[in-house]
């Protein structure tokens, strides 16, 4: 499972109201598989971006405000993917902007599945780059949906589901907390006692 699937983070999309109907329709099709927040002015863009730290990327469909928007994003996050959508040649985009973004896409020049794949790759690279080493591996391990046959004995939270009080605790702490409550007998994560694997890397 991809990180962008189980994290359930969203895209922030700046989309100018004066875009053509065809461009707006194509953009909707391109982003239909992603959770997205759309804004159409700089004030709202800055407000949403500043208040939402669960973003997997920024998509800019703008001709006039690119430099200001890119500069604002890069001031606080040098890694988050910035994708510029355009119907023009990329040579019309200022060099300073090109040097600060990840992709330039013409949504009419290629197939939607191909463009979607490009976006997914950029978002996955970003999530991987910000995950702490051990925590990231622990997150990925819990998404392999393996039954834990080791200590602790709550079986990934399964035993908490057998009585009302346990279910209350499970609902309060969340399933991931207990699925990630593992012992050192999980070789994929390394060993704290032997100082090896991802434990050592961290």
C-alpha atoms as a PDB file:
ATOM      1  CA  UNK A   1       0.000   0.000   0.000  1.00  0.00           C
ATOM      2  CA  UNK A   2       1.321   3.453  -0.875  1.00  0.00           C
ATOM      3  CA  UNK A   3       2.038   5.922   1.919  1.00  0.00           C
ATOM      4  CA  UNK A   4      -0.260   8.468   0.275  1.00  0.00           C
ATOM      5  CA  UNK A   5      -3.117   5.977   0.596  1.00  0.00           C
ATOM      6  CA  UNK A   6      -2.936   5.248   4.297  1.00  0.00           C
ATOM      7  CA  UNK A   7      -1.828   8.699   5.418  1.00  0.00           C
ATOM      8  CA  UNK A   8      -4.903  10.226   3.789  1.00  0.00           C
ATOM      9  CA  UNK A   9      -3.122  13.543   3.272  1.00  0.00           C
ATOM     10  CA  UNK A  10      -4.416  15.980   0.681  1.00  0.00           C
ATOM     11  CA  UNK A  11      -3.333  18.186  -2.185  1.00  0.00           C
ATOM     12  CA  UNK A  12      -3.625  21.952  -2.158  1.00  0.00           C
ATOM     13  CA  UNK A  13      -4.686  23.142  -5.604  1.00  0.00           C
ATOM     14  CA  UNK A  14      -4.547  26.763  -6.756  1.00  0.00           C
ATOM     15  CA  UNK A  15      -6.895  26.998  -9.707  1.00  0.00           C
ATOM     16  CA  UNK A  16      -7.702  30.336 -11.336  1.00  0.00           C
ATOM     17  CA  UNK A  17     -11.357  30.999 -12.042  1.00  0.00           C
ATOM     18  CA  UNK A  18     -10.640  32.269 -15.536  1.00  0.00           C
ATOM     19  CA  UNK A  19      -9.331  28.881 -16.669  1.00  0.00           C
ATOM     20  CA  UNK A  20     -11.108  27.376 -19.639  1.00  0.00           C
ATOM     21  CA  UNK A  21     -13.860  24.824 -19.186  1.00  0.00           C
ATOM     22  CA  UNK A  22     -11.752  22.167 -20.918  1.00  0.00           C
ATOM     23  CA  UNK A  23      -8.803  22.870 -18.607  1.00  0.00           C
ATOM     24  CA  UNK A  24     -10.980  22.717 -15.484  1.00  0.00           C
ATOM     25  CA  UNK A  25     -12.580  19.451 -16.596  1.00  0.00           C
ATOM     26  CA  UNK A  26      -9.210  17.856 -17.359  1.00  0.00           C
ATOM     27  CA  UNK A  27      -7.855  18.970 -13.996  1.00  0.00           C
ATOM     28  CA  UNK A  28     -10.816  17.388 -12.197  1.00  0.00           C
ATOM     29  CA  UNK A  29     -10.209  14.095 -14.003  1.00  0.00           C
ATOM     30  CA  UNK A  30      -6.477  14.195 -13.220  1.00  0.00           C
ATOM     31  CA  UNK A  31      -6.999  14.789  -9.507  1.00  0.00           C
ATOM     32  CA  UNK A  32     -10.078  12.623  -8.926  1.00  0.00           C
ATOM     33  CA  UNK A  33      -8.004   9.908  -7.235  1.00  0.00           C
ATOM     34  CA  UNK A  34      -6.504  12.380  -4.738  1.00  0.00           C
ATOM     35  CA  UNK A  35      -8.064  14.190  -1.822  1.00  0.00           C
ATOM     36  CA  UNK A  36      -7.791  17.841  -2.844  1.00  0.00           C
ATOM     37  CA  UNK A  37      -8.550  21.304  -1.492  1.00  0.00           C
ATOM     38  CA  UNK A  38      -9.182  23.907  -4.195  1.00  0.00           C
ATOM     39  CA  UNK A  39      -8.603  27.635  -3.784  1.00  0.00           C
ATOM     40  CA  UNK A  40      -8.827  30.407  -6.372  1.00  0.00           C
ATOM     41  CA  UNK A  41      -7.033  33.346  -4.756  1.00  0.00           C
ATOM     42  CA  UNK A  42      -3.705  33.986  -3.079  1.00  0.00           C
ATOM     43  CA  UNK A  43      -5.180  34.934   0.298  1.00  0.00           C
ATOM     44  CA  UNK A  44      -7.031  31.637   0.647  1.00  0.00           C
ATOM     45  CA  UNK A  45      -4.038  29.711  -0.663  1.00  0.00           C
ATOM     46  CA  UNK A  46      -1.735  31.157   1.991  1.00  0.00           C
ATOM     47  CA  UNK A  47      -4.316  30.606   4.724  1.00  0.00           C
ATOM     48  CA  UNK A  48      -4.981  26.962   3.850  1.00  0.00           C
ATOM     49  CA  UNK A  49      -1.309  26.175   3.251  1.00  0.00           C
ATOM     50  CA  UNK A  50      -0.239  27.712   6.562  1.00  0.00           C
ATOM     51  CA  UNK A  51      -2.910  25.909   8.581  1.00  0.00           C
ATOM     52  CA  UNK A  52      -2.710  22.449   6.988  1.00  0.00           C
ATOM     53  CA  UNK A  53       0.450  20.451   7.644  1.00  0.00           C
ATOM     54  CA  UNK A  54      -1.028  17.239   6.202  1.00  0.00           C
ATOM     55  CA  UNK A  55      -0.326  18.105   2.561  1.00  0.00           C
ATOM     56  CA  UNK A  56       1.311  15.741   0.084  1.00  0.00           C
ATOM     57  CA  UNK A  57       1.849  18.417  -2.516  1.00  0.00           C
ATOM     58  CA  UNK A  58       0.874  21.698  -4.118  1.00  0.00           C
ATOM     59  CA  UNK A  59      -0.602  22.030  -7.606  1.00  0.00           C
ATOM     60  CA  UNK A  60      -0.537  25.447  -9.239  1.00  0.00           C
ATOM     61  CA  UNK A  61      -2.724  26.192 -12.232  1.00  0.00           C
ATOM     62  CA  UNK A  62      -1.844  29.831 -12.629  1.00  0.00           C
ATOM     63  CA  UNK A  63      -0.037  32.053 -15.101  1.00  0.00           C
ATOM     64  CA  UNK A  64       0.235  35.326 -13.208  1.00  0.00           C
ATOM     65  CA  UNK A  65       1.023  34.438  -9.591  1.00  0.00           C
ATOM     66  CA  UNK A  66       3.522  31.612  -9.913  1.00  0.00           C
ATOM     67  CA  UNK A  67       6.566  33.377  -8.493  1.00  0.00           C
ATOM     68  CA  UNK A  68       4.744  34.630  -5.410  1.00  0.00           C
ATOM     69  CA  UNK A  69       3.091  31.269  -4.717  1.00  0.00           C
ATOM     70  CA  UNK A  70       6.256  29.209  -5.187  1.00  0.00           C
ATOM     71  CA  UNK A  71       8.326  31.581  -3.073  1.00  0.00           C
ATOM     72  CA  UNK A  72       5.729  31.418  -0.291  1.00  0.00           C
ATOM     73  CA  UNK A  73       5.717  27.605  -0.237  1.00  0.00           C
ATOM     74  CA  UNK A  74       9.475  27.184  -0.463  1.00  0.00           C
ATOM     75  CA  UNK A  75      10.025  29.643   2.368  1.00  0.00           C
ATOM     76  CA  UNK A  76       8.573  27.120   4.823  1.00  0.00           C
ATOM     77  CA  UNK A  77       9.015  23.756   3.094  1.00  0.00           C
ATOM     78  CA  UNK A  78      11.907  23.099   0.695  1.00  0.00           C
ATOM     79  CA  UNK A  79      10.811  19.508   0.026  1.00  0.00           C
ATOM     80  CA  UNK A  80       7.064  19.460  -0.618  1.00  0.00           C
ATOM     81  CA  UNK A  81       6.291  18.726  -4.284  1.00  0.00           C
ATOM     82  CA  UNK A  82       5.176  21.731  -6.307  1.00  0.00           C
ATOM     83  CA  UNK A  83       3.566  20.885  -9.635  1.00  0.00           C
ATOM     84  CA  UNK A  84       2.802  23.594 -12.169  1.00  0.00           C
ATOM     85  CA  UNK A  85       0.049  22.936 -14.696  1.00  0.00           C
ATOM     86  CA  UNK A  86       0.157  24.843 -17.934  1.00  0.00           C
ATOM     87  CA  UNK A  87      -1.269  24.748 -21.426  1.00  0.00           C
ATOM     88  CA  UNK A  88       1.732  26.655 -22.731  1.00  0.00           C
ATOM     89  CA  UNK A  89       5.344  25.773 -23.376  1.00  0.00           C
ATOM     90  CA  UNK A  90       7.464  25.469 -20.223  1.00  0.00           C
ATOM     91  CA  UNK A  91       9.827  28.093 -21.672  1.00  0.00           C
ATOM     92  CA  UNK A  92       7.252  30.714 -20.681  1.00  0.00           C
ATOM     93  CA  UNK A  93       7.778  29.896 -16.988  1.00  0.00           C
ATOM     94  CA  UNK A  94      10.413  32.050 -15.239  1.00  0.00           C
ATOM     95  CA  UNK A  95      13.714  30.271 -14.603  1.00  0.00           C
ATOM     96  CA  UNK A  96      13.539  31.069 -10.878  1.00  0.00           C
ATOM     97  CA  UNK A  97      10.237  29.196 -10.703  1.00  0.00           C
ATOM     98  CA  UNK A  98      11.517  26.232 -12.715  1.00  0.00           C
ATOM     99  CA  UNK A  99      14.442  25.850 -10.343  1.00  0.00           C
ATOM    100  CA  UNK A 100      12.127  25.686  -7.342  1.00  0.00           C
ATOM    101  CA  UNK A 101       9.423  23.274  -8.496  1.00  0.00           C
ATOM    102  CA  UNK A 102       9.273  19.533  -9.110  1.00  0.00           C
ATOM    103  CA  UNK A 103       7.209  19.134 -12.274  1.00  0.00           C
ATOM    104  CA  UNK A 104       5.712  21.089 -15.132  1.00  0.00           C
ATOM    105  CA  UNK A 105       2.694  19.352 -16.626  1.00  0.00           C
ATOM    106  CA  UNK A 106       0.669  20.073 -19.714  1.00  0.00           C
ATOM    107  CA  UNK A 107      -2.502  18.138 -18.939  1.00  0.00           C
ATOM    108  CA  UNK A 108      -3.435  17.932 -22.621  1.00  0.00           C
ATOM    109  CA  UNK A 109      -0.144  16.447 -23.820  1.00  0.00           C
ATOM    110  CA  UNK A 110      -0.272  13.015 -22.209  1.00  0.00           C
ATOM    111  CA  UNK A 111      -2.696  10.430 -20.863  1.00  0.00           C
ATOM    112  CA  UNK A 112      -4.316  10.881 -17.465  1.00  0.00           C
ATOM    113  CA  UNK A 113      -2.987   7.530 -16.112  1.00  0.00           C
ATOM    114  CA  UNK A 114       0.572   8.535 -17.040  1.00  0.00           C
ATOM    115  CA  UNK A 115       0.273  11.984 -15.471  1.00  0.00           C
ATOM    116  CA  UNK A 116      -1.360  10.492 -12.368  1.00  0.00           C
ATOM    117  CA  UNK A 117       1.570   8.092 -12.072  1.00  0.00           C
ATOM    118  CA  UNK A 118       4.010  10.999 -12.219  1.00  0.00           C
ATOM    119  CA  UNK A 119       2.150  12.734  -9.404  1.00  0.00           C
ATOM    120  CA  UNK A 120       2.099   9.603  -7.248  1.00  0.00           C
ATOM    121  CA  UNK A 121       5.851   9.158  -7.662  1.00  0.00           C
ATOM    122  CA  UNK A 122       6.530  12.735  -6.545  1.00  0.00           C
ATOM    123  CA  UNK A 123       4.221  12.416  -3.533  1.00  0.00           C
ATOM    124  CA  UNK A 124       5.711   9.081  -2.467  1.00  0.00           C
ATOM    125  CA  UNK A 125       9.238  10.492  -2.755  1.00  0.00           C
ATOM    126  CA  UNK A 126       8.221  13.395  -0.535  1.00  0.00           C
ATOM    127  CA  UNK A 127       6.640  11.229   2.156  1.00  0.00           C
ATOM    128  CA  UNK A 128       9.688   8.946   2.151  1.00  0.00           C
ATOM    129  CA  UNK A 129      12.029  11.929   2.483  1.00  0.00           C
ATOM    130  CA  UNK A 130      10.321  13.289   5.613  1.00  0.00           C
ATOM    131  CA  UNK A 131       9.717  10.013   7.458  1.00  0.00           C
ATOM    132  CA  UNK A 132      12.153   9.390  10.318  1.00  0.00           C
ATOM    133  CA  UNK A 133      14.030   6.160   9.558  1.00  0.00           C
ATOM    134  CA  UNK A 134      12.653   3.839  12.227  1.00  0.00           C
ATOM    135  CA  UNK A 135       9.216   5.436  12.489  1.00  0.00           C
ATOM    136  CA  UNK A 136       8.816   5.270   8.736  1.00  0.00           C
ATOM    137  CA  UNK A 137       9.678   1.572   8.666  1.00  0.00           C
ATOM    138  CA  UNK A 138       7.319   0.958  11.585  1.00  0.00           C
ATOM    139  CA  UNK A 139       4.490   2.674   9.714  1.00  0.00           C
ATOM    140  CA  UNK A 140       5.181   0.632   6.598  1.00  0.00           C
ATOM    141  CA  UNK A 141       5.340  -2.602   8.595  1.00  0.00           C
ATOM    142  CA  UNK A 142       1.916  -2.074  10.160  1.00  0.00           C
ATOM    143  CA  UNK A 143       0.475  -1.716   6.652  1.00  0.00           C
ATOM    144  CA  UNK A 144       1.609  -5.231   5.724  1.00  0.00           C
ATOM    145  CA  UNK A 145      -1.250  -6.541   7.895  1.00  0.00           C
ATOM    146  CA  UNK A 146       0.702  -9.338   9.539  1.00  0.00           C
ATOM    147  CA  UNK A 147      -0.561 -11.199  12.577  1.00  0.00           C
ATOM    148  CA  UNK A 148       1.885 -10.710  15.477  1.00  0.00           C
ATOM    149  CA  UNK A 149       2.899 -14.030  17.036  1.00  0.00           C
ATOM    150  CA  UNK A 150       5.137 -12.499  19.689  1.00  0.00           C
ATOM    151  CA  UNK A 151       5.039 -10.283  22.744  1.00  0.00           C
ATOM    152  CA  UNK A 152       3.177  -8.201  23.744  1.00  0.00           C
ATOM    153  CA  UNK A 153       0.222 -10.537  23.953  1.00  0.00           C
ATOM    154  CA  UNK A 154      -2.595  -8.231  22.883  1.00  0.00           C
ATOM    155  CA  UNK A 155      -2.137  -9.463  19.274  1.00  0.00           C
ATOM    156  CA  UNK A 156      -2.040  -6.024  17.709  1.00  0.00           C
ATOM    157  CA  UNK A 157      -5.100  -4.925  19.645  1.00  0.00           C
ATOM    158  CA  UNK A 158      -7.167  -7.987  18.770  1.00  0.00           C
ATOM    159  CA  UNK A 159      -7.538  -9.030  22.412  1.00  0.00           C
ATOM    160  CA  UNK A 160      -8.861  -5.580  23.297  1.00  0.00           C
ATOM    161  CA  UNK A 161     -11.835  -6.261  21.046  1.00  0.00           C
ATOM    162  CA  UNK A 162     -13.058  -9.133  23.215  1.00  0.00           C
ATOM    163  CA  UNK A 163     -14.551  -7.003  26.005  1.00  0.00           C
ATOM    164  CA  UNK A 164     -16.166  -3.559  26.417  1.00  0.00           C
ATOM    165  CA  UNK A 165     -13.359  -1.986  28.444  1.00  0.00           C
ATOM    166  CA  UNK A 166     -10.733  -3.188  25.980  1.00  0.00           C
ATOM    167  CA  UNK A 167     -12.786  -1.834  23.083  1.00  0.00           C
ATOM    168  CA  UNK A 168     -13.005   1.480  24.903  1.00  0.00           C
ATOM    169  CA  UNK A 169      -9.201   1.611  25.157  1.00  0.00           C
ATOM    170  CA  UNK A 170      -8.799   0.586  21.524  1.00  0.00           C
ATOM    171  CA  UNK A 171     -11.148   3.326  20.363  1.00  0.00           C
ATOM    172  CA  UNK A 172      -9.357   5.882  22.529  1.00  0.00           C
ATOM    173  CA  UNK A 173      -5.781   5.078  21.524  1.00  0.00           C
ATOM    174  CA  UNK A 174      -6.505   3.983  17.973  1.00  0.00           C
ATOM    175  CA  UNK A 175      -5.745   0.711  16.227  1.00  0.00           C
ATOM    176  CA  UNK A 176      -2.401   1.842  14.790  1.00  0.00           C
ATOM    177  CA  UNK A 177      -1.007   2.398  18.280  1.00  0.00           C
ATOM    178  CA  UNK A 178      -1.527  -1.247  19.139  1.00  0.00           C
ATOM    179  CA  UNK A 179      -0.609  -2.624  15.718  1.00  0.00           C
ATOM    180  CA  UNK A 180       2.706  -0.814  16.068  1.00  0.00           C
ATOM    181  CA  UNK A 181       3.286  -2.069  19.625  1.00  0.00           C
ATOM    182  CA  UNK A 182       5.854  -4.707  18.635  1.00  0.00           C
ATOM    183  CA  UNK A 183       8.695  -6.587  20.266  1.00  0.00           C
ATOM    184  CA  UNK A 184      12.302  -6.902  19.133  1.00  0.00           C
ATOM    185  CA  UNK A 185      11.416 -10.215  17.483  1.00  0.00           C
ATOM    186  CA  UNK A 186      10.359  -8.432  14.290  1.00  0.00           C
ATOM    187  CA  UNK A 187      13.443  -8.857  12.074  1.00  0.00           C
ATOM    188  CA  UNK A 188      12.256  -6.313   9.488  1.00  0.00           C
ATOM    189  CA  UNK A 189      12.672  -3.536  12.067  1.00  0.00           C
ATOM    190  CA  UNK A 190      15.983  -4.591  13.584  1.00  0.00           C
ATOM    191  CA  UNK A 191      16.884  -5.113  17.209  1.00  0.00           C
ATOM    192  CA  UNK A 192      17.382  -2.680  20.050  1.00  0.00           C
ATOM    193  CA  UNK A 193      19.393  -5.284  21.979  1.00  0.00           C
ATOM    194  CA  UNK A 194      21.728  -6.140  19.118  1.00  0.00           C
ATOM    195  CA  UNK A 195      21.838  -2.624  17.666  1.00  0.00           C
ATOM    196  CA  UNK A 196      21.118  -3.688  14.128  1.00  0.00           C
ATOM    197  CA  UNK A 197      18.830  -3.026  11.184  1.00  0.00           C
ATOM    198  CA  UNK A 198      16.594   0.059  11.104  1.00  0.00           C
ATOM    199  CA  UNK A 199      17.011   0.517  14.853  1.00  0.00           C
ATOM    200  CA  UNK A 200      20.728   1.021  14.290  1.00  0.00           C
ATOM    201  CA  UNK A 201      20.127   3.239  11.243  1.00  0.00           C
ATOM    202  CA  UNK A 202      17.920   5.496  13.346  1.00  0.00           C
END
